[in-house]
Amino acid sequence: MSLDNFQIPLALVTELYKDSLVVLDSKQLKTESLTGGEFKFLGKNEKKILILVNDHHSVHLSDKDTEFLSGILVACKLSFNDIALINVAKNKNEAFDKLFDFFTPQHIIFLGIDPNAYTLPIERNYYQIYKLNNCSYLSGPSLIMIAASTEEKKLLWNALKKLFSL
């Protein structure tokens, strides 16, 4: 018997490699594999929530910031599947209109980033919600600054309650 034509049934493959195989949806496949990684982002963007951060030391966020953001998302009854997290430090040359067209967000949250850097006609008043072109915008300080201050956490939480009608 030759092993040249040996095939393992799909059910057996998934059972053998259930902890190490990753299924990519079409957006992930297109973004990272076929186009050479046009955008580097974390999440699946299922609820069209775009979160922009600026972390020069990490691909997306540090472990500590990721854990803190995860807690925020859970409090908002969300997960990383619901959002697209963009680290602008790793996507420097991307124009805002390209990001907007690709992700088609309903909500955009700037953390540690001035929205005016993207020539948006909104002010940089932290925790103020702005609506423009069927999209809500919210900005705040970096996750590091928010995590370090109880007052900042309260301000962010109150803004998120309004933004997501919690």
N, C-alpha and C. Protein backbone atom coordinates (compact mmCIF):
# COMPACT_ATOMS: atom_id res chain seq x y z
N MET A 1 0.84 -1.19 0.00
CA MET A 1 0.00 0.00 0.00
C MET A 1 0.88 1.24 0.00
N SER A 2 0.58 2.19 -0.87
CA SER A 2 1.36 3.41 -1.01
C SER A 2 0.71 4.55 -0.21
N LEU A 3 1.52 5.41 0.35
CA LEU A 3 1.01 6.57 1.08
C LEU A 3 0.87 7.80 0.19
N ASP A 4 1.20 7.66 -1.10
CA ASP A 4 1.13 8.81 -2.01
C ASP A 4 -0.30 9.32 -2.18
N ASN A 5 -1.27 8.45 -2.14
CA ASN A 5 -2.66 8.85 -2.36
C ASN A 5 -3.50 8.78 -1.09
N PHE A 6 -2.85 8.70 0.04
CA PHE A 6 -3.56 8.59 1.31
C PHE A 6 -4.21 9.92 1.67
N GLN A 7 -5.49 9.90 2.01
CA GLN A 7 -6.20 11.11 2.39
C GLN A 7 -6.85 10.91 3.76
N ILE A 8 -6.71 11.90 4.60
CA ILE A 8 -7.32 11.87 5.91
C ILE A 8 -8.68 12.55 5.81
N PRO A 9 -9.72 11.93 6.32
CA PRO A 9 -11.05 12.56 6.28
C PRO A 9 -11.03 13.91 7.02
N LEU A 10 -11.80 14.86 6.53
CA LEU A 10 -11.85 16.20 7.10
C LEU A 10 -12.22 16.18 8.58
N ALA A 11 -13.16 15.33 8.97
CA ALA A 11 -13.57 15.25 10.37
C ALA A 11 -12.41 14.84 11.26
N LEU A 12 -11.56 13.94 10.77
CA LEU A 12 -10.40 13.50 11.54
C LEU A 12 -9.34 14.60 11.63
N VAL A 13 -9.15 15.32 10.52
CA VAL A 13 -8.18 16.42 10.52
C VAL A 13 -8.58 17.49 11.53
N THR A 14 -9.84 17.87 11.53
CA THR A 14 -10.29 18.90 12.47
C THR A 14 -10.20 18.43 13.91
N GLU A 15 -10.42 17.14 14.15
CA GLU A 15 -10.31 16.61 15.51
C GLU A 15 -8.85 16.55 15.95
N LEU A 16 -7.96 16.14 15.06
CA LEU A 16 -6.54 16.04 15.40
C LEU A 16 -5.89 17.40 15.64
N TYR A 17 -6.32 18.39 14.87
CA TYR A 17 -5.68 19.70 14.93
C TYR A 17 -6.60 20.80 15.45
N LYS A 18 -7.55 20.45 16.29
CA LYS A 18 -8.55 21.42 16.75
C LYS A 18 -7.95 22.58 17.54
N ASP A 19 -6.79 22.39 18.15
CA ASP A 19 -6.19 23.46 18.94
C ASP A 19 -5.14 24.25 18.17
N SER A 20 -4.83 23.84 16.94
CA SER A 20 -3.78 24.54 16.22
C SER A 20 -4.19 25.04 14.85
N LEU A 21 -5.30 24.59 14.30
CA LEU A 21 -5.76 25.09 13.01
C LEU A 21 -6.59 26.35 13.21
N VAL A 22 -6.49 27.26 12.27
CA VAL A 22 -7.26 28.50 12.31
C VAL A 22 -8.03 28.62 11.02
N VAL A 23 -9.32 28.87 11.12
CA VAL A 23 -10.13 29.08 9.94
C VAL A 23 -10.20 30.58 9.69
N LEU A 24 -9.82 30.99 8.50
CA LEU A 24 -9.85 32.41 8.14
C LEU A 24 -11.12 32.69 7.37
N ASP A 25 -11.81 33.76 7.74
CA ASP A 25 -12.94 34.14 6.93
C ASP A 25 -12.41 34.89 5.72
N SER A 26 -13.26 35.19 4.77
CA SER A 26 -12.80 35.78 3.51
C SER A 26 -12.14 37.14 3.70
N LYS A 27 -12.62 37.95 4.65
CA LYS A 27 -12.03 39.27 4.86
C LYS A 27 -10.60 39.13 5.40
N GLN A 28 -10.38 38.21 6.34
CA GLN A 28 -9.04 38.00 6.86
C GLN A 28 -8.13 37.47 5.77
N LEU A 29 -8.61 36.52 4.98
CA LEU A 29 -7.81 35.94 3.92
C LEU A 29 -7.42 37.02 2.92
N LYS A 30 -8.36 37.81 2.49
CA LYS A 30 -8.09 38.87 1.54
C LYS A 30 -7.13 39.89 2.12
N THR A 31 -7.38 40.30 3.34
CA THR A 31 -6.59 41.36 3.94
C THR A 31 -5.15 40.96 4.16
N GLU A 32 -4.93 39.81 4.75
CA GLU A 32 -3.58 39.48 5.16
C GLU A 32 -2.83 38.62 4.15
N SER A 33 -3.50 37.76 3.43
CA SER A 33 -2.79 36.84 2.58
C SER A 33 -2.69 37.30 1.13
N LEU A 34 -3.79 37.69 0.54
CA LEU A 34 -3.78 37.98 -0.88
C LEU A 34 -3.28 39.38 -1.22
N THR A 35 -3.57 40.35 -0.41
CA THR A 35 -3.19 41.71 -0.73
C THR A 35 -1.91 42.13 -0.04
N GLY A 36 -1.23 41.22 0.60
CA GLY A 36 0.00 41.57 1.28
C GLY A 36 -0.24 42.34 2.56
N GLY A 37 -1.43 42.23 3.13
CA GLY A 37 -1.71 42.89 4.40
C GLY A 37 -2.00 44.36 4.25
N GLU A 38 -2.98 44.73 3.42
CA GLU A 38 -3.34 46.13 3.21
C GLU A 38 -3.59 46.84 4.54
N PHE A 39 -4.32 46.19 5.43
CA PHE A 39 -4.55 46.72 6.76
C PHE A 39 -4.17 45.65 7.77
N LYS A 40 -3.48 46.06 8.80
CA LYS A 40 -3.19 45.15 9.90
C LYS A 40 -4.19 45.49 11.00
N PHE A 41 -5.08 44.55 11.29
CA PHE A 41 -6.10 44.83 12.29
C PHE A 41 -6.41 43.58 13.08
N LEU A 42 -7.01 43.80 14.22
CA LEU A 42 -7.41 42.72 15.11
C LEU A 42 -8.92 42.75 15.23
N GLY A 43 -9.56 41.60 15.10
CA GLY A 43 -11.01 41.52 15.21
C GLY A 43 -11.65 41.11 13.90
N LYS A 44 -12.97 40.99 13.95
CA LYS A 44 -13.72 40.57 12.75
C LYS A 44 -14.67 41.65 12.24
N ASN A 45 -14.83 42.73 12.99
CA ASN A 45 -15.65 43.86 12.56
C ASN A 45 -17.12 43.48 12.32
N GLU A 46 -17.64 42.54 13.08
CA GLU A 46 -19.01 42.08 12.86
C GLU A 46 -20.06 43.13 13.19
N LYS A 47 -19.77 44.03 14.12
CA LYS A 47 -20.74 45.07 14.47
C LYS A 47 -20.30 46.45 13.99
N LYS A 48 -19.33 46.46 13.10
CA LYS A 48 -18.88 47.69 12.42
C LYS A 48 -18.43 48.77 13.41
N ILE A 49 -17.58 48.35 14.36
CA ILE A 49 -17.02 49.28 15.34
C ILE A 49 -15.51 49.34 15.09
N LEU A 50 -15.03 50.49 14.71
CA LEU A 50 -13.61 50.68 14.42
C LEU A 50 -12.97 51.40 15.60
N ILE A 51 -11.93 50.78 16.17
CA ILE A 51 -11.21 51.40 17.28
C ILE A 51 -9.79 51.68 16.80
N LEU A 52 -9.39 52.93 16.86
CA LEU A 52 -8.06 53.34 16.43
C LEU A 52 -7.20 53.67 17.65
N VAL A 53 -6.02 53.06 17.72
CA VAL A 53 -5.07 53.29 18.81
C VAL A 53 -3.72 53.62 18.19
N ASN A 54 -2.78 54.04 19.03
CA ASN A 54 -1.44 54.38 18.55
C ASN A 54 -0.42 53.77 19.51
N ASP A 55 0.10 52.61 19.15
CA ASP A 55 1.06 51.90 20.00
C ASP A 55 2.28 51.55 19.15
N HIS A 56 3.36 52.27 19.37
CA HIS A 56 4.58 52.07 18.57
C HIS A 56 5.33 50.80 18.95
N HIS A 57 5.01 50.20 20.08
CA HIS A 57 5.78 49.07 20.60
C HIS A 57 5.14 47.71 20.33
N SER A 58 3.91 47.67 19.83
CA SER A 58 3.20 46.41 19.65
C SER A 58 2.59 46.35 18.25
N VAL A 59 2.30 45.15 17.81
CA VAL A 59 1.63 44.99 16.52
C VAL A 59 0.23 45.60 16.60
N HIS A 60 -0.51 45.24 17.63
CA HIS A 60 -1.85 45.81 17.84
C HIS A 60 -1.87 46.60 19.14
N LEU A 61 -1.71 45.91 20.25
CA LEU A 61 -1.68 46.52 21.57
C LEU A 61 -0.80 45.67 22.47
N SER A 62 -0.33 46.26 23.55
CA SER A 62 0.41 45.48 24.54
C SER A 62 -0.57 44.50 25.20
N ASP A 63 -0.03 43.48 25.83
CA ASP A 63 -0.89 42.50 26.51
C ASP A 63 -1.75 43.17 27.57
N LYS A 64 -1.17 44.10 28.31
CA LYS A 64 -1.90 44.79 29.37
C LYS A 64 -3.05 45.62 28.79
N ASP A 65 -2.78 46.36 27.70
CA ASP A 65 -3.83 47.16 27.06
C ASP A 65 -4.89 46.27 26.42
N THR A 66 -4.48 45.15 25.85
CA THR A 66 -5.43 44.22 25.25
C THR A 66 -6.37 43.67 26.31
N GLU A 67 -5.83 43.33 27.45
CA GLU A 67 -6.65 42.82 28.55
C GLU A 67 -7.62 43.90 29.05
N PHE A 68 -7.13 45.13 29.16
CA PHE A 68 -7.99 46.23 29.60
C PHE A 68 -9.09 46.50 28.58
N LEU A 69 -8.74 46.54 27.30
CA LEU A 69 -9.74 46.76 26.26
C LEU A 69 -10.74 45.61 26.23
N SER A 70 -10.29 44.40 26.45
CA SER A 70 -11.20 43.26 26.49
C SER A 70 -12.23 43.43 27.61
N GLY A 71 -11.79 43.91 28.76
CA GLY A 71 -12.72 44.18 29.86
C GLY A 71 -13.73 45.25 29.50
N ILE A 72 -13.29 46.28 28.81
CA ILE A 72 -14.20 47.34 28.35
C ILE A 72 -15.24 46.75 27.40
N LEU A 73 -14.77 45.93 26.46
CA LEU A 73 -15.68 45.33 25.49
C LEU A 73 -16.71 44.44 26.17
N VAL A 74 -16.28 43.63 27.13
CA VAL A 74 -17.20 42.76 27.86
C VAL A 74 -18.25 43.59 28.59
N ALA A 75 -17.82 44.69 29.20
CA ALA A 75 -18.77 45.56 29.90
C ALA A 75 -19.80 46.15 28.92
N CYS A 76 -19.40 46.33 27.67
CA CYS A 76 -20.30 46.86 26.64
C CYS A 76 -21.05 45.74 25.91
N LYS A 77 -20.90 44.50 26.40
CA LYS A 77 -21.52 43.33 25.78
C LYS A 77 -21.03 43.12 24.35
N LEU A 78 -19.71 43.31 24.18
CA LEU A 78 -19.04 43.16 22.89
C LEU A 78 -17.84 42.24 23.06
N SER A 79 -17.25 41.87 21.93
CA SER A 79 -16.02 41.09 21.95
C SER A 79 -15.14 41.57 20.80
N PHE A 80 -13.96 40.99 20.68
CA PHE A 80 -13.08 41.35 19.57
C PHE A 80 -13.67 40.94 18.22
N ASN A 81 -14.62 40.02 18.21
CA ASN A 81 -15.30 39.69 16.96
C ASN A 81 -16.14 40.85 16.45
N ASP A 82 -16.59 41.71 17.35
CA ASP A 82 -17.48 42.81 16.99
C ASP A 82 -16.75 44.04 16.47
N ILE A 83 -15.46 44.12 16.72
CA ILE A 83 -14.71 45.34 16.41
C ILE A 83 -13.61 45.07 15.39
N ALA A 84 -13.06 46.14 14.87
CA ALA A 84 -11.80 46.10 14.13
C ALA A 84 -10.87 47.07 14.86
N LEU A 85 -9.79 46.55 15.39
CA LEU A 85 -8.81 47.37 16.12
C LEU A 85 -7.65 47.67 15.17
N ILE A 86 -7.43 48.94 14.94
CA ILE A 86 -6.34 49.39 14.06
C ILE A 86 -5.32 50.13 14.90
N ASN A 87 -4.08 49.69 14.82
CA ASN A 87 -2.97 50.41 15.43
C ASN A 87 -2.40 51.31 14.34
N VAL A 88 -2.67 52.60 14.43
CA VAL A 88 -2.24 53.51 13.37
C VAL A 88 -0.72 53.58 13.24
N ALA A 89 -0.01 53.24 14.30
CA ALA A 89 1.46 53.21 14.22
C ALA A 89 1.93 52.15 13.24
N LYS A 90 1.14 51.12 13.03
CA LYS A 90 1.50 50.03 12.11
C LYS A 90 0.77 50.14 10.78
N ASN A 91 -0.10 51.12 10.64
CA ASN A 91 -0.83 51.39 9.39
C ASN A 91 -0.67 52.87 9.04
N LYS A 92 0.55 53.35 9.08
CA LYS A 92 0.82 54.79 8.99
C LYS A 92 0.36 55.44 7.70
N ASN A 93 0.49 54.77 6.61
CA ASN A 93 0.26 55.42 5.33
C ASN A 93 -1.16 55.27 4.82
N GLU A 94 -2.05 54.81 5.67
CA GLU A 94 -3.42 54.60 5.22
C GLU A 94 -4.27 55.85 5.43
N ALA A 95 -4.88 56.29 4.36
CA ALA A 95 -5.76 57.45 4.42
C ALA A 95 -7.06 57.05 5.11
N PHE A 96 -7.65 58.00 5.81
CA PHE A 96 -8.87 57.71 6.57
C PHE A 96 -9.99 57.22 5.66
N ASP A 97 -10.12 57.80 4.47
CA ASP A 97 -11.20 57.37 3.57
C ASP A 97 -11.03 55.91 3.14
N LYS A 98 -9.79 55.44 3.02
CA LYS A 98 -9.57 54.02 2.72
C LYS A 98 -10.01 53.14 3.89
N LEU A 99 -9.65 53.56 5.10
CA LEU A 99 -10.09 52.81 6.29
C LEU A 99 -11.61 52.78 6.36
N PHE A 100 -12.22 53.95 6.14
CA PHE A 100 -13.67 54.06 6.23
C PHE A 100 -14.34 53.20 5.17
N ASP A 101 -13.86 53.24 3.95
CA ASP A 101 -14.46 52.44 2.87
C ASP A 101 -14.29 50.95 3.10
N PHE A 102 -13.14 50.54 3.63
CA PHE A 102 -12.88 49.13 3.84
C PHE A 102 -13.71 48.57 4.99
N PHE A 103 -13.76 49.28 6.12
CA PHE A 103 -14.42 48.76 7.32
C PHE A 103 -15.89 49.18 7.42
N THR A 104 -16.32 50.19 6.70
CA THR A 104 -17.69 50.73 6.75
C THR A 104 -18.23 50.80 8.19
N PRO A 105 -17.54 51.53 9.06
CA PRO A 105 -17.94 51.55 10.48
C PRO A 105 -19.21 52.34 10.73
N GLN A 106 -19.92 51.91 11.79
CA GLN A 106 -21.04 52.67 12.31
C GLN A 106 -20.59 53.51 13.50
N HIS A 107 -19.51 53.06 14.15
CA HIS A 107 -18.94 53.77 15.29
C HIS A 107 -17.41 53.76 15.13
N ILE A 108 -16.79 54.89 15.41
CA ILE A 108 -15.33 54.98 15.40
C ILE A 108 -14.89 55.56 16.74
N ILE A 109 -13.96 54.87 17.38
CA ILE A 109 -13.44 55.30 18.67
C ILE A 109 -11.94 55.56 18.52
N PHE A 110 -11.53 56.80 18.79
CA PHE A 110 -10.12 57.19 18.76
C PHE A 110 -9.59 57.16 20.19
N LEU A 111 -8.58 56.35 20.45
CA LEU A 111 -7.98 56.30 21.78
C LEU A 111 -6.51 56.70 21.69
N GLY A 112 -6.22 57.88 22.22
CA GLY A 112 -4.85 58.38 22.15
C GLY A 112 -4.50 58.96 20.80
N ILE A 113 -5.51 59.28 20.02
CA ILE A 113 -5.31 59.82 18.67
C ILE A 113 -6.22 61.03 18.49
N ASP A 114 -5.68 62.07 17.92
CA ASP A 114 -6.47 63.26 17.64
C ASP A 114 -7.26 63.04 16.34
N PRO A 115 -8.59 63.09 16.38
CA PRO A 115 -9.38 62.90 15.16
C PRO A 115 -9.04 63.92 14.07
N ASN A 116 -8.53 65.08 14.48
CA ASN A 116 -8.17 66.09 13.49
C ASN A 116 -6.99 65.66 12.63
N ALA A 117 -6.23 64.67 13.08
CA ALA A 117 -5.14 64.14 12.26
C ALA A 117 -5.70 63.52 10.98
N TYR A 118 -6.97 63.19 10.99
CA TYR A 118 -7.63 62.61 9.82
C TYR A 118 -8.54 63.63 9.13
N THR A 119 -8.31 64.87 9.41
CA THR A 119 -9.07 65.99 8.84
C THR A 119 -10.58 65.80 8.93
N LEU A 120 -11.01 65.29 10.06
CA LEU A 120 -12.45 65.17 10.31
C LEU A 120 -12.96 66.47 10.92
N PRO A 121 -14.13 66.89 10.53
CA PRO A 121 -14.67 68.14 11.06
C PRO A 121 -15.32 67.96 12.43
N ILE A 122 -14.60 67.33 13.33
CA ILE A 122 -15.08 67.16 14.71
C ILE A 122 -14.00 67.65 15.65
N GLU A 123 -14.43 68.09 16.82
CA GLU A 123 -13.47 68.59 17.80
C GLU A 123 -12.88 67.45 18.60
N ARG A 124 -11.75 67.71 19.21
CA ARG A 124 -11.08 66.70 20.01
C ARG A 124 -11.50 66.80 21.47
N ASN A 125 -12.75 66.94 21.72
CA ASN A 125 -13.26 66.94 23.09
C ASN A 125 -13.43 65.50 23.52
N TYR A 126 -12.62 65.09 24.48
CA TYR A 126 -12.69 63.71 24.94
C TYR A 126 -14.09 63.39 25.45
N TYR A 127 -14.54 62.22 25.09
CA TYR A 127 -15.79 61.62 25.56
C TYR A 127 -17.04 62.32 25.02
N GLN A 128 -16.89 63.17 24.04
CA GLN A 128 -18.04 63.76 23.35
C GLN A 128 -18.35 62.89 22.13
N ILE A 129 -19.62 62.61 21.91
CA ILE A 129 -20.02 61.80 20.76
C ILE A 129 -20.46 62.74 19.64
N TYR A 130 -19.86 62.53 18.47
CA TYR A 130 -20.20 63.31 17.29
C TYR A 130 -20.78 62.37 16.25
N LYS A 131 -21.78 62.85 15.54
CA LYS A 131 -22.37 62.07 14.45
C LYS A 131 -22.09 62.78 13.14
N LEU A 132 -21.64 62.00 12.19
CA LEU A 132 -21.30 62.54 10.87
C LEU A 132 -21.43 61.42 9.85
N ASN A 133 -22.20 61.63 8.81
CA ASN A 133 -22.36 60.64 7.74
C ASN A 133 -22.74 59.25 8.26
N ASN A 134 -23.76 59.17 9.06
CA ASN A 134 -24.26 57.90 9.60
C ASN A 134 -23.24 57.13 10.42
N CYS A 135 -22.32 57.85 11.02
CA CYS A 135 -21.30 57.23 11.86
C CYS A 135 -21.13 58.06 13.12
N SER A 136 -20.95 57.39 14.25
CA SER A 136 -20.71 58.07 15.53
C SER A 136 -19.22 58.05 15.83
N TYR A 137 -18.72 59.17 16.33
CA TYR A 137 -17.30 59.31 16.65
C TYR A 137 -17.14 59.62 18.13
N LEU A 138 -16.15 58.98 18.73
CA LEU A 138 -15.83 59.21 20.14
C LEU A 138 -14.32 59.21 20.26
N SER A 139 -13.78 60.14 21.02
CA SER A 139 -12.34 60.13 21.25
C SER A 139 -12.05 60.19 22.74
N GLY A 140 -10.89 59.66 23.08
CA GLY A 140 -10.44 59.65 24.46
C GLY A 140 -8.93 59.52 24.51
N PRO A 141 -8.36 59.63 25.68
CA PRO A 141 -6.91 59.46 25.81
C PRO A 141 -6.52 58.00 25.57
N SER A 142 -5.25 57.72 25.62
CA SER A 142 -4.77 56.36 25.39
C SER A 142 -5.30 55.40 26.45
N LEU A 143 -5.30 54.14 26.13
CA LEU A 143 -5.74 53.12 27.09
C LEU A 143 -4.90 53.13 28.35
N ILE A 144 -3.62 53.42 28.22
CA ILE A 144 -2.73 53.50 29.39
C ILE A 144 -3.21 54.58 30.35
N MET A 145 -3.55 55.75 29.79
CA MET A 145 -4.02 56.86 30.63
C MET A 145 -5.38 56.55 31.25
N ILE A 146 -6.24 55.92 30.50
CA ILE A 146 -7.57 55.59 31.03
C ILE A 146 -7.44 54.57 32.15
N ALA A 147 -6.62 53.54 31.94
CA ALA A 147 -6.46 52.49 32.95
C ALA A 147 -5.87 53.03 34.24
N ALA A 148 -5.09 54.10 34.16
CA ALA A 148 -4.42 54.63 35.34
C ALA A 148 -5.29 55.57 36.17
N SER A 149 -6.47 55.93 35.67
CA SER A 149 -7.29 56.92 36.36
C SER A 149 -8.73 56.45 36.52
N THR A 150 -9.20 56.41 37.73
CA THR A 150 -10.59 56.04 38.00
C THR A 150 -11.54 57.04 37.34
N GLU A 151 -11.19 58.31 37.39
CA GLU A 151 -12.04 59.35 36.78
C GLU A 151 -12.15 59.15 35.26
N GLU A 152 -11.03 58.85 34.61
CA GLU A 152 -11.05 58.61 33.15
C GLU A 152 -11.90 57.38 32.82
N LYS A 153 -11.80 56.35 33.64
CA LYS A 153 -12.62 55.15 33.43
C LYS A 153 -14.10 55.49 33.50
N LYS A 154 -14.48 56.30 34.49
CA LYS A 154 -15.88 56.70 34.63
C LYS A 154 -16.34 57.52 33.42
N LEU A 155 -15.51 58.45 32.98
CA LEU A 155 -15.87 59.28 31.83
C LEU A 155 -16.04 58.43 30.57
N LEU A 156 -15.11 57.50 30.37
CA LEU A 156 -15.21 56.61 29.20
C LEU A 156 -16.46 55.75 29.30
N TRP A 157 -16.71 55.18 30.47
CA TRP A 157 -17.87 54.32 30.64
C TRP A 157 -19.17 55.07 30.36
N ASN A 158 -19.29 56.29 30.86
CA ASN A 158 -20.50 57.09 30.60
C ASN A 158 -20.67 57.37 29.11
N ALA A 159 -19.57 57.66 28.42
CA ALA A 159 -19.64 57.91 26.98
C ALA A 159 -20.01 56.64 26.22
N LEU A 160 -19.44 55.52 26.62
CA LEU A 160 -19.74 54.25 25.94
C LEU A 160 -21.19 53.84 26.16
N LYS A 161 -21.73 54.11 27.36
CA LYS A 161 -23.14 53.81 27.62
C LYS A 161 -24.04 54.58 26.64
N LYS A 162 -23.70 55.84 26.41
CA LYS A 162 -24.48 56.64 25.44
C LYS A 162 -24.28 56.13 24.02
N LEU A 163 -23.03 55.84 23.67
CA LEU A 163 -22.71 55.42 22.32
C LEU A 163 -23.41 54.13 21.93
N PHE A 164 -23.41 53.16 22.85
CA PHE A 164 -23.98 51.85 22.56
C PHE A 164 -25.36 51.63 23.19
N SER A 165 -25.95 52.68 23.73
CA SER A 165 -27.30 52.61 24.35
C SER A 165 -27.38 51.51 25.40
N LEU A 166 -26.45 51.52 26.33
CA LEU A 166 -26.41 50.50 27.38
C LEU A 166 -27.21 50.94 28.60
